[in-house]
Structures are given as C-alpha cells and as structure tokens.
C-alpha cells in the first residue's frame, strides 16, 4: 500500500494484480483497515481484474473507489499524449524479466538444483523464505 506523498495522507491507494477470478471483498476490507489505521477517510483500490458485486457494494458504503482494468485503461487512454508517454516510460523502467518473490516482494535469483541440475528462481532470503518458481530461469 502506498499513501499520497505529503505530511499527512488524504487518500490511500492499494494496487492489486488479479487474473482469473474477480477481486472479492477481502482486499477492500484490508484497504478500509489501512485507512482507519492512518486516519484517512478516502481510499482507492486499483486492479487489472474485475470486482465482485459484494466488493462493489462494500466499497460504495466506505468511501472507497474501485478502479478495474477497463476503467484504468480508459483513464490512461484519456491522458494527453505527452503525459501518457511519460507514464509509460516510468512504468516500464526496471527489470521485468526477473520475477518478484510472492512472499518477500523482492527480485528472485536464478538457481540450479543440486540433485537434478534443474534451473529455477529462488528467493534470496532463503532459508527464511522458501518461495521458488520453475520455468524460465536463466543458466
């Protein structure tokens, strides 16, 4: 979660990547908890996916704006070209080929199993974090 940069936040925004299923009420409740903890009365939950009706109903009663993938693309398309280009440059900065650890939110490292020599991505915080991803890890 990130708060608007200022002395005191007036809005908390939470971004939630989503794919197969609709975003349910749990992330909306988590955002409401963060808002209460920070003493902020307004929130926004942004997702590449879509929201359940339950999540939409809950958000409507709690001053939380839900922005789904279609809304986000529409807002981006409505930007003036120079703003859209600046945003694109910012969003594509960095390493997108290395996966991020789902447990620690840091970039994983390429590893090879000692038994089979199989390549995989492993968390640099091993052995505290044992998250691994098989597939496209480089040699």
N, C-alpha and C. Protein backbone atom coordinates (compact mmCIF):
# COMPACT_ATOMS: atom_id res chain seq x y z
N UNK A 1 0.83 -1.17 0.00
CA UNK A 1 0.00 0.00 0.00
C UNK A 1 0.88 1.24 0.00
N UNK A 2 0.40 2.25 -0.66
CA UNK A 2 1.18 3.48 -0.69
C UNK A 2 0.25 4.65 -0.40
N UNK A 3 0.76 5.58 0.33
CA UNK A 3 -0.01 6.77 0.65
C UNK A 3 0.47 7.91 -0.23
N UNK A 4 -0.40 8.84 -0.49
CA UNK A 4 -0.04 10.03 -1.25
C UNK A 4 1.08 10.74 -0.50
N UNK A 5 2.09 11.21 -1.22
CA UNK A 5 3.25 11.83 -0.58
C UNK A 5 2.89 13.23 -0.07
N UNK A 6 2.85 13.39 1.23
CA UNK A 6 2.64 14.68 1.87
C UNK A 6 2.83 14.49 3.36
N UNK A 7 2.71 15.57 4.12
CA UNK A 7 2.84 15.47 5.58
C UNK A 7 1.84 14.49 6.15
N UNK A 8 0.59 14.60 5.72
CA UNK A 8 -0.43 13.65 6.15
C UNK A 8 -1.23 13.23 4.93
N UNK A 9 -1.43 11.95 4.80
CA UNK A 9 -2.12 11.42 3.63
C UNK A 9 -3.60 11.76 3.69
N UNK A 10 -4.17 12.04 2.52
CA UNK A 10 -5.60 12.27 2.44
C UNK A 10 -6.28 11.15 1.67
N UNK A 11 -5.49 10.28 1.06
CA UNK A 11 -6.00 9.19 0.26
C UNK A 11 -5.01 8.03 0.32
N UNK A 12 -5.51 6.82 0.49
CA UNK A 12 -4.66 5.64 0.44
C UNK A 12 -5.07 4.84 -0.79
N UNK A 13 -4.07 4.45 -1.59
CA UNK A 13 -4.31 3.68 -2.80
C UNK A 13 -3.65 2.32 -2.64
N UNK A 14 -4.40 1.27 -2.96
CA UNK A 14 -3.88 -0.09 -2.92
C UNK A 14 -4.02 -0.66 -4.33
N UNK A 15 -2.95 -1.24 -4.86
CA UNK A 15 -2.97 -1.83 -6.19
C UNK A 15 -2.94 -3.34 -6.06
N UNK A 16 -3.84 -4.01 -6.73
CA UNK A 16 -4.00 -5.46 -6.59
C UNK A 16 -3.98 -6.11 -7.97
N UNK A 17 -2.87 -6.83 -8.31
CA UNK A 17 -2.88 -7.56 -9.58
C UNK A 17 -3.84 -8.73 -9.48
N UNK A 18 -4.57 -9.00 -10.52
CA UNK A 18 -5.54 -10.08 -10.47
C UNK A 18 -5.66 -10.68 -11.86
N UNK A 19 -6.01 -11.94 -11.93
CA UNK A 19 -6.13 -12.54 -13.25
C UNK A 19 -7.43 -13.32 -13.42
N UNK A 20 -7.48 -14.54 -12.96
CA UNK A 20 -8.59 -15.44 -13.30
C UNK A 20 -9.89 -15.11 -12.58
N UNK A 21 -9.83 -14.77 -11.32
CA UNK A 21 -11.05 -14.56 -10.54
C UNK A 21 -11.29 -13.09 -10.29
N UNK A 22 -12.51 -12.74 -9.97
CA UNK A 22 -12.83 -11.35 -9.63
C UNK A 22 -12.25 -11.02 -8.25
N UNK A 23 -11.93 -9.77 -8.05
CA UNK A 23 -11.42 -9.31 -6.76
C UNK A 23 -12.59 -9.25 -5.79
N UNK A 24 -12.47 -9.96 -4.68
CA UNK A 24 -13.54 -10.03 -3.71
C UNK A 24 -13.46 -8.96 -2.64
N UNK A 25 -14.19 -9.16 -1.59
CA UNK A 25 -14.33 -8.17 -0.53
C UNK A 25 -13.09 -8.08 0.37
N UNK A 26 -12.30 -9.14 0.47
CA UNK A 26 -11.16 -9.14 1.40
C UNK A 26 -10.18 -7.99 1.16
N UNK A 27 -9.70 -7.75 -0.07
CA UNK A 27 -8.78 -6.61 -0.27
C UNK A 27 -9.43 -5.26 0.03
N UNK A 28 -10.74 -5.16 -0.17
CA UNK A 28 -11.44 -3.91 0.13
C UNK A 28 -11.46 -3.69 1.64
N UNK A 29 -11.72 -4.76 2.38
CA UNK A 29 -11.69 -4.66 3.85
C UNK A 29 -10.29 -4.33 4.36
N UNK A 30 -9.26 -4.92 3.73
CA UNK A 30 -7.87 -4.62 4.12
C UNK A 30 -7.57 -3.14 3.90
N UNK A 31 -8.02 -2.60 2.78
CA UNK A 31 -7.83 -1.18 2.50
C UNK A 31 -8.55 -0.33 3.52
N UNK A 32 -9.77 -0.70 3.88
CA UNK A 32 -10.52 0.04 4.89
C UNK A 32 -9.77 0.03 6.23
N UNK A 33 -9.17 -1.10 6.59
CA UNK A 33 -8.37 -1.18 7.81
C UNK A 33 -7.16 -0.26 7.76
N UNK A 34 -6.49 -0.21 6.61
CA UNK A 34 -5.34 0.69 6.45
C UNK A 34 -5.78 2.15 6.53
N UNK A 35 -6.94 2.45 5.97
CA UNK A 35 -7.47 3.81 6.04
C UNK A 35 -7.75 4.20 7.48
N UNK A 36 -8.38 3.31 8.23
CA UNK A 36 -8.69 3.58 9.64
C UNK A 36 -7.42 3.76 10.45
N UNK A 37 -6.44 2.91 10.20
CA UNK A 37 -5.17 2.98 10.93
C UNK A 37 -4.44 4.30 10.67
N UNK A 38 -4.52 4.77 9.43
CA UNK A 38 -3.84 6.02 9.06
C UNK A 38 -4.70 7.25 9.31
N UNK A 39 -5.95 7.05 9.70
CA UNK A 39 -6.84 8.19 9.92
C UNK A 39 -7.22 8.89 8.63
N UNK A 40 -7.35 8.11 7.55
CA UNK A 40 -7.65 8.65 6.23
C UNK A 40 -9.08 8.24 5.86
N UNK A 41 -9.85 9.17 5.34
CA UNK A 41 -11.25 8.91 5.06
C UNK A 41 -11.57 8.47 3.65
N UNK A 42 -10.56 8.40 2.79
CA UNK A 42 -10.83 8.06 1.39
C UNK A 42 -9.78 7.08 0.89
N UNK A 43 -10.23 6.11 0.08
CA UNK A 43 -9.31 5.12 -0.47
C UNK A 43 -9.66 4.76 -1.89
N UNK A 44 -8.71 4.14 -2.57
CA UNK A 44 -8.93 3.64 -3.92
C UNK A 44 -8.24 2.29 -4.05
N UNK A 45 -8.93 1.35 -4.66
CA UNK A 45 -8.37 0.03 -4.92
C UNK A 45 -8.31 -0.13 -6.43
N UNK A 46 -7.11 -0.30 -6.96
CA UNK A 46 -6.88 -0.40 -8.39
C UNK A 46 -6.51 -1.85 -8.71
N UNK A 47 -7.15 -2.42 -9.72
CA UNK A 47 -6.86 -3.80 -10.10
C UNK A 47 -6.89 -3.96 -11.60
N UNK A 48 -6.08 -4.86 -12.09
CA UNK A 48 -6.12 -5.19 -13.52
C UNK A 48 -7.32 -6.07 -13.83
N UNK A 49 -7.93 -6.63 -12.80
CA UNK A 49 -9.09 -7.51 -12.97
C UNK A 49 -10.40 -6.79 -12.77
N UNK A 50 -11.41 -7.54 -12.37
CA UNK A 50 -12.74 -7.00 -12.12
C UNK A 50 -13.13 -7.31 -10.68
N UNK A 51 -14.15 -6.63 -10.17
CA UNK A 51 -14.57 -6.76 -8.78
C UNK A 51 -15.88 -7.53 -8.67
N UNK A 52 -16.06 -8.23 -7.55
CA UNK A 52 -17.33 -8.90 -7.29
C UNK A 52 -18.36 -7.84 -6.90
N UNK A 53 -19.62 -8.21 -7.00
CA UNK A 53 -20.69 -7.29 -6.60
C UNK A 53 -20.59 -6.99 -5.11
N UNK A 54 -20.24 -8.00 -4.32
CA UNK A 54 -20.08 -7.81 -2.87
C UNK A 54 -19.01 -6.76 -2.58
N UNK A 55 -17.89 -6.82 -3.30
CA UNK A 55 -16.82 -5.83 -3.11
C UNK A 55 -17.30 -4.44 -3.51
N UNK A 56 -18.04 -4.36 -4.61
CA UNK A 56 -18.54 -3.05 -5.07
C UNK A 56 -19.52 -2.45 -4.07
N UNK A 57 -20.41 -3.27 -3.53
CA UNK A 57 -21.38 -2.78 -2.55
C UNK A 57 -20.68 -2.30 -1.29
N UNK A 58 -19.72 -3.06 -0.80
CA UNK A 58 -18.99 -2.69 0.41
C UNK A 58 -18.22 -1.39 0.20
N UNK A 59 -17.52 -1.29 -0.92
CA UNK A 59 -16.72 -0.10 -1.22
C UNK A 59 -17.59 1.15 -1.31
N UNK A 60 -18.75 1.01 -1.90
CA UNK A 60 -19.65 2.16 -2.06
C UNK A 60 -20.07 2.74 -0.72
N UNK A 61 -20.16 1.91 0.29
CA UNK A 61 -20.57 2.37 1.63
C UNK A 61 -19.40 2.87 2.48
N UNK A 62 -18.17 2.70 2.00
CA UNK A 62 -16.99 3.03 2.82
C UNK A 62 -16.09 4.10 2.22
N UNK A 63 -16.55 4.84 1.23
CA UNK A 63 -15.78 5.90 0.58
C UNK A 63 -14.51 5.35 -0.07
N UNK A 64 -14.66 4.18 -0.70
CA UNK A 64 -13.55 3.55 -1.42
C UNK A 64 -13.93 3.47 -2.89
N UNK A 65 -13.08 4.01 -3.74
CA UNK A 65 -13.31 3.96 -5.18
C UNK A 65 -12.62 2.72 -5.73
N UNK A 66 -13.34 1.96 -6.52
CA UNK A 66 -12.79 0.77 -7.18
C UNK A 66 -12.50 1.10 -8.64
N UNK A 67 -11.28 0.82 -9.07
CA UNK A 67 -10.88 1.07 -10.46
C UNK A 67 -10.44 -0.26 -11.04
N UNK A 68 -11.25 -0.82 -11.94
CA UNK A 68 -10.90 -2.11 -12.53
C UNK A 68 -10.03 -1.90 -13.78
N UNK A 69 -9.63 -3.00 -14.40
CA UNK A 69 -8.73 -2.93 -15.55
C UNK A 69 -9.27 -2.08 -16.67
N UNK A 70 -10.54 -2.23 -17.00
CA UNK A 70 -11.15 -1.44 -18.09
C UNK A 70 -11.17 0.05 -17.74
N UNK A 71 -11.51 0.37 -16.49
CA UNK A 71 -11.50 1.78 -16.05
C UNK A 71 -10.10 2.37 -16.16
N UNK A 72 -9.11 1.59 -15.70
CA UNK A 72 -7.72 2.06 -15.72
C UNK A 72 -7.26 2.32 -17.15
N UNK A 73 -7.54 1.39 -18.06
CA UNK A 73 -7.16 1.60 -19.46
C UNK A 73 -7.85 2.82 -20.06
N UNK A 74 -9.11 3.02 -19.70
CA UNK A 74 -9.84 4.20 -20.18
C UNK A 74 -9.22 5.50 -19.69
N UNK A 75 -8.84 5.51 -18.41
CA UNK A 75 -8.21 6.71 -17.84
C UNK A 75 -6.85 6.97 -18.50
N UNK A 76 -6.10 5.91 -18.78
CA UNK A 76 -4.80 6.07 -19.44
C UNK A 76 -4.98 6.58 -20.87
N UNK A 77 -5.98 6.06 -21.58
CA UNK A 77 -6.24 6.48 -22.96
C UNK A 77 -6.68 7.94 -23.04
N UNK A 78 -7.28 8.44 -21.97
CA UNK A 78 -7.77 9.83 -21.96
C UNK A 78 -6.66 10.84 -21.65
N UNK A 79 -5.48 10.38 -21.28
CA UNK A 79 -4.38 11.30 -20.96
C UNK A 79 -3.87 11.99 -22.22
N UNK A 80 -3.39 13.23 -22.09
CA UNK A 80 -2.72 13.86 -23.22
C UNK A 80 -1.49 13.03 -23.60
N UNK A 81 -1.13 13.00 -24.88
CA UNK A 81 -0.04 12.13 -25.35
C UNK A 81 1.27 12.28 -24.57
N UNK A 82 1.64 13.51 -24.22
CA UNK A 82 2.91 13.69 -23.50
C UNK A 82 2.86 13.09 -22.09
N UNK A 83 1.71 13.17 -21.45
CA UNK A 83 1.56 12.55 -20.12
C UNK A 83 1.55 11.04 -20.23
N UNK A 84 0.88 10.52 -21.25
CA UNK A 84 0.83 9.08 -21.46
C UNK A 84 2.22 8.52 -21.71
N UNK A 85 3.03 9.23 -22.52
CA UNK A 85 4.39 8.78 -22.80
C UNK A 85 5.26 8.81 -21.55
N UNK A 86 5.14 9.86 -20.75
CA UNK A 86 5.92 9.96 -19.50
C UNK A 86 5.52 8.83 -18.55
N UNK A 87 4.25 8.53 -18.46
CA UNK A 87 3.78 7.45 -17.59
C UNK A 87 4.29 6.10 -18.10
N UNK A 88 4.26 5.88 -19.40
CA UNK A 88 4.75 4.64 -19.99
C UNK A 88 6.25 4.46 -19.69
N UNK A 89 7.02 5.52 -19.83
CA UNK A 89 8.46 5.44 -19.53
C UNK A 89 8.69 5.09 -18.06
N UNK A 90 7.91 5.69 -17.18
CA UNK A 90 8.04 5.41 -15.75
C UNK A 90 7.64 3.96 -15.44
N UNK A 91 6.53 3.51 -16.01
CA UNK A 91 6.00 2.18 -15.70
C UNK A 91 6.87 1.05 -16.25
N UNK A 92 7.62 1.31 -17.30
CA UNK A 92 8.43 0.25 -17.89
C UNK A 92 9.90 0.33 -17.50
N UNK A 93 10.21 1.17 -16.54
CA UNK A 93 11.58 1.27 -16.04
C UNK A 93 11.86 0.07 -15.14
N UNK A 94 13.02 -0.51 -15.26
CA UNK A 94 13.39 -1.59 -14.34
C UNK A 94 13.45 -2.95 -15.00
N UNK A 95 13.65 -3.96 -14.19
CA UNK A 95 13.83 -5.33 -14.63
C UNK A 95 12.50 -6.08 -14.59
N UNK A 96 11.95 -6.37 -15.78
CA UNK A 96 10.69 -7.09 -15.85
C UNK A 96 10.88 -8.56 -16.21
N UNK A 97 12.12 -8.97 -16.43
CA UNK A 97 12.38 -10.35 -16.79
C UNK A 97 12.61 -11.23 -15.56
N UNK A 98 12.96 -10.61 -14.45
CA UNK A 98 13.19 -11.36 -13.22
C UNK A 98 11.94 -11.31 -12.37
N UNK A 99 11.39 -12.48 -12.00
CA UNK A 99 10.17 -12.47 -11.18
C UNK A 99 10.41 -11.93 -9.78
N UNK A 100 9.37 -11.44 -9.18
CA UNK A 100 9.40 -10.94 -7.81
C UNK A 100 8.88 -12.04 -6.89
N UNK A 101 9.54 -12.23 -5.76
CA UNK A 101 9.13 -13.24 -4.79
C UNK A 101 7.75 -12.91 -4.27
N UNK A 102 6.80 -13.85 -4.35
CA UNK A 102 5.45 -13.58 -3.86
C UNK A 102 5.38 -13.43 -2.34
N UNK A 103 6.39 -13.94 -1.64
CA UNK A 103 6.39 -13.84 -0.18
C UNK A 103 7.09 -12.61 0.34
N UNK A 104 8.18 -12.20 -0.32
CA UNK A 104 9.01 -11.10 0.19
C UNK A 104 8.94 -9.82 -0.64
N UNK A 105 8.40 -9.91 -1.82
CA UNK A 105 8.30 -8.76 -2.74
C UNK A 105 9.65 -8.19 -3.14
N UNK A 106 10.63 -9.08 -3.29
CA UNK A 106 11.94 -8.67 -3.82
C UNK A 106 12.26 -9.54 -5.02
N UNK A 107 13.20 -9.10 -5.86
CA UNK A 107 13.56 -9.85 -7.05
C UNK A 107 14.21 -11.18 -6.67
N UNK A 108 13.78 -12.23 -7.37
CA UNK A 108 14.32 -13.57 -7.12
C UNK A 108 15.66 -13.71 -7.84
N UNK A 109 16.37 -14.79 -7.56
CA UNK A 109 17.65 -15.04 -8.21
C UNK A 109 17.61 -16.40 -8.89
N UNK A 110 18.38 -16.53 -9.98
CA UNK A 110 18.44 -17.77 -10.72
C UNK A 110 19.28 -18.78 -9.93
N UNK A 111 18.75 -20.00 -9.82
CA UNK A 111 19.44 -21.07 -9.09
C UNK A 111 19.35 -22.35 -9.90
N UNK A 112 20.13 -23.35 -9.46
CA UNK A 112 20.12 -24.67 -10.09
C UNK A 112 20.08 -25.70 -8.98
N UNK A 113 19.17 -26.68 -9.10
CA UNK A 113 19.07 -27.71 -8.06
C UNK A 113 20.32 -28.57 -8.07
N UNK A 114 20.77 -28.96 -6.89
CA UNK A 114 21.99 -29.76 -6.79
C UNK A 114 21.75 -31.20 -7.23
N UNK A 115 20.56 -31.72 -7.01
CA UNK A 115 20.29 -33.12 -7.34
C UNK A 115 20.12 -33.35 -8.85
N UNK A 116 19.31 -32.50 -9.49
CA UNK A 116 18.97 -32.73 -10.90
C UNK A 116 19.56 -31.71 -11.85
N UNK A 117 20.13 -30.63 -11.32
CA UNK A 117 20.66 -29.58 -12.17
C UNK A 117 19.58 -28.74 -12.85
N UNK A 118 18.36 -28.85 -12.34
CA UNK A 118 17.22 -28.13 -12.90
C UNK A 118 17.28 -26.66 -12.53
N UNK A 119 17.00 -25.76 -13.47
CA UNK A 119 17.02 -24.31 -13.23
C UNK A 119 15.71 -23.87 -12.60
N UNK A 120 15.80 -22.89 -11.70
CA UNK A 120 14.60 -22.32 -11.08
C UNK A 120 14.93 -20.96 -10.50
N UNK A 121 13.89 -20.20 -10.18
CA UNK A 121 14.03 -18.92 -9.49
C UNK A 121 13.85 -19.19 -8.00
N UNK A 122 14.74 -18.64 -7.18
CA UNK A 122 14.63 -18.80 -5.74
C UNK A 122 14.70 -17.45 -5.04
N UNK A 123 14.11 -17.39 -3.88
CA UNK A 123 14.14 -16.15 -3.10
C UNK A 123 15.53 -15.96 -2.50
N UNK A 124 16.09 -14.75 -2.58
CA UNK A 124 17.40 -14.50 -1.96
C UNK A 124 17.36 -14.58 -0.44
N UNK A 125 16.17 -14.58 0.14
CA UNK A 125 16.04 -14.68 1.60
C UNK A 125 15.99 -16.12 2.10
N UNK A 126 16.32 -17.09 1.22
CA UNK A 126 16.36 -18.48 1.64
C UNK A 126 17.43 -18.62 2.73
N UNK A 127 17.23 -19.33 3.80
CA UNK A 127 16.19 -20.31 4.09
C UNK A 127 14.97 -19.74 4.82
N UNK A 128 14.97 -18.44 5.17
CA UNK A 128 13.79 -17.87 5.83
C UNK A 128 12.57 -17.93 4.91
N UNK A 129 12.77 -17.69 3.63
CA UNK A 129 11.70 -17.74 2.64
C UNK A 129 12.03 -18.85 1.65
N UNK A 130 11.12 -19.75 1.46
CA UNK A 130 11.37 -20.90 0.59
C UNK A 130 10.58 -20.85 -0.71
N UNK A 131 10.17 -19.64 -1.14
CA UNK A 131 9.42 -19.49 -2.39
C UNK A 131 10.33 -19.82 -3.58
N UNK A 132 9.81 -20.61 -4.51
CA UNK A 132 10.54 -20.92 -5.74
C UNK A 132 9.58 -20.89 -6.92
N UNK A 133 10.13 -20.62 -8.10
CA UNK A 133 9.36 -20.66 -9.35
C UNK A 133 10.18 -21.43 -10.37
N UNK A 134 9.60 -22.44 -10.97
CA UNK A 134 10.28 -23.19 -12.02
C UNK A 134 9.90 -22.63 -13.36
N UNK A 135 10.76 -22.81 -14.33
CA UNK A 135 10.40 -22.38 -15.68
C UNK A 135 11.52 -21.69 -16.41
N UNK A 136 11.48 -20.38 -16.46
CA UNK A 136 12.34 -19.63 -17.37
C UNK A 136 13.60 -19.06 -16.74
N UNK A 137 14.08 -19.66 -15.66
CA UNK A 137 15.29 -19.13 -15.02
C UNK A 137 16.49 -19.32 -15.94
N UNK A 138 17.33 -18.28 -16.10
CA UNK A 138 18.50 -18.40 -16.98
C UNK A 138 19.57 -19.29 -16.37
N UNK A 139 20.48 -19.77 -17.22
CA UNK A 139 21.53 -20.70 -16.82
C UNK A 139 22.43 -20.17 -15.80
